[in-house]
Amino acid sequence: MVRAYSNELKNKVCVRICKNRESTSMVAKEMDIPLKTVEKWVTAYYKDPKVFEVPEGYIFEKRRMDAHRYDSYTREQLIRELKRKDTKIVYLQSVIERKINTFEI
């Protein structure tokens, strides 16, 4: 079962572990969160302590706002943008496939 955790909870857990020096396994057990999940949060927190300070729903709201930038495009501009992005996707897929193939035994 997949559980969703709020950014506020993730931040509290990371502060307890990283700043208050509490045991990762003890905090995970106390909060009833899988240890591996907490370890991922802590790793992200060490890379950027503000990682979980983003408000809930921010990413979806940003996507919605970004979508409006195309409202003023003409049909030709939209087609050109779509072709550009399609080309980029094909390129990135080829890079990923190459990387995967180099790791196969």
Protein backbone atom coordinates (compact mmCIF):
# COMPACT_ATOMS: atom_id res chain seq x y z
CA MET A 1 0.00 0.00 0.00
CA VAL A 2 1.38 3.38 -0.98
CA ARG A 3 1.13 6.05 1.66
CA ALA A 4 1.44 9.77 1.05
CA TYR A 5 3.24 11.92 3.58
CA SER A 6 2.99 15.68 3.87
CA ASN A 7 6.04 17.87 3.38
CA GLU A 8 5.50 19.16 6.90
CA LEU A 9 5.84 15.65 8.34
CA LYS A 10 8.90 14.91 6.19
CA ASN A 11 10.54 18.13 7.39
CA LYS A 12 9.77 17.37 11.05
CA VAL A 13 11.24 13.87 10.75
CA CYS A 14 14.39 15.17 9.04
CA VAL A 15 14.89 17.92 11.62
CA ARG A 16 14.63 15.38 14.44
CA ILE A 17 17.22 13.16 12.78
CA CYS A 18 19.60 15.69 11.24
CA LYS A 19 19.51 18.56 13.72
CA ASN A 20 18.43 16.90 16.95
CA ARG A 21 20.61 13.82 16.24
CA GLU A 22 17.85 11.34 17.04
CA SER A 23 18.20 7.77 15.79
CA THR A 24 16.83 7.24 12.29
CA SER A 25 15.50 3.78 13.09
CA MET A 26 13.89 4.94 16.34
CA VAL A 27 12.14 7.90 14.69
CA ALA A 28 10.95 5.69 11.82
CA LYS A 29 9.60 3.10 14.25
CA GLU A 30 7.95 5.72 16.47
CA MET A 31 6.29 7.44 13.49
CA ASP A 32 5.35 4.10 11.84
CA ILE A 33 7.16 5.01 8.62
CA PRO A 34 9.32 2.49 6.72
CA LEU A 35 13.01 2.97 7.50
CA LYS A 36 14.01 3.12 3.81
CA THR A 37 11.48 5.91 3.24
CA VAL A 38 12.91 7.95 6.11
CA GLU A 39 16.45 7.33 4.84
CA LYS A 40 15.47 8.70 1.41
CA TRP A 41 14.02 11.81 3.05
CA VAL A 42 17.15 12.33 5.14
CA THR A 43 19.39 11.96 2.07
CA ALA A 44 17.33 14.57 0.23
CA TYR A 45 17.39 16.82 3.32
CA TYR A 46 21.19 16.64 3.59
CA LYS A 47 21.47 17.68 -0.07
CA ASP A 48 19.03 20.59 0.42
CA PRO A 49 17.61 21.40 3.88
CA LYS A 50 14.78 23.36 2.25
CA VAL A 51 13.62 20.45 0.10
CA PHE A 52 10.45 19.87 2.13
CA GLU A 53 9.58 23.53 2.66
CA VAL A 54 7.72 23.62 -0.67
CA PRO A 55 3.99 24.12 0.02
CA GLU A 56 1.67 21.18 -0.62
CA GLY A 57 0.30 21.14 -4.14
CA TYR A 58 2.96 23.59 -5.36
CA ILE A 59 4.13 21.38 -8.22
CA PHE A 60 0.60 20.89 -9.59
CA GLU A 61 -0.19 24.59 -9.26
CA LYS A 62 3.04 25.49 -11.05
CA ARG A 63 2.19 23.11 -13.90
CA ARG A 64 -1.27 24.64 -14.20
CA MET A 65 0.18 28.14 -14.32
CA ASP A 66 2.85 27.12 -16.84
CA ALA A 67 0.19 25.68 -19.13
CA HIS A 68 -1.21 29.17 -19.70
CA ARG A 69 1.97 30.33 -21.39
CA TYR A 70 0.76 28.57 -24.55
CA ASP A 71 -2.56 30.44 -24.62
CA SER A 72 -1.15 33.25 -26.77
CA TYR A 73 0.61 30.95 -29.25
CA THR A 74 -0.63 30.69 -32.79
CA ARG A 75 -1.34 27.28 -34.28
CA GLU A 76 2.01 27.33 -36.10
CA GLN A 77 3.88 28.23 -32.93
CA LEU A 78 2.20 25.40 -31.04
CA ILE A 79 3.10 22.91 -33.78
CA ARG A 80 6.72 24.12 -33.81
CA GLU A 81 6.91 23.82 -29.98
CA LEU A 82 5.38 20.34 -30.07
CA LYS A 83 7.89 19.20 -32.71
CA ARG A 84 10.77 20.64 -30.68
CA LYS A 85 9.66 18.85 -27.53
CA ASP A 86 9.00 15.62 -29.43
CA THR A 87 12.54 15.70 -30.81
CA LYS A 88 13.91 16.27 -27.31
CA ILE A 89 11.91 13.32 -25.94
CA VAL A 90 13.19 11.00 -28.68
CA TYR A 91 16.76 12.10 -27.96
CA LEU A 92 16.41 11.59 -24.19
CA GLN A 93 14.85 8.16 -24.74
CA SER A 94 17.82 7.15 -26.88
CA VAL A 95 20.23 8.31 -24.19
CA ILE A 96 18.37 6.29 -21.56
CA GLU A 97 18.30 3.19 -23.76
CA ARG A 98 22.04 3.50 -24.41
CA LYS A 99 22.73 3.79 -20.68
CA ILE A 100 20.54 0.77 -19.93
CA ASN A 101 22.21 -1.30 -22.64
CA THR A 102 25.71 -0.51 -21.34
CA PHE A 103 24.79 -1.92 -17.92
CA GLU A 104 23.34 -5.18 -19.21
CA ILE A 105 25.49 -8.26 -18.72
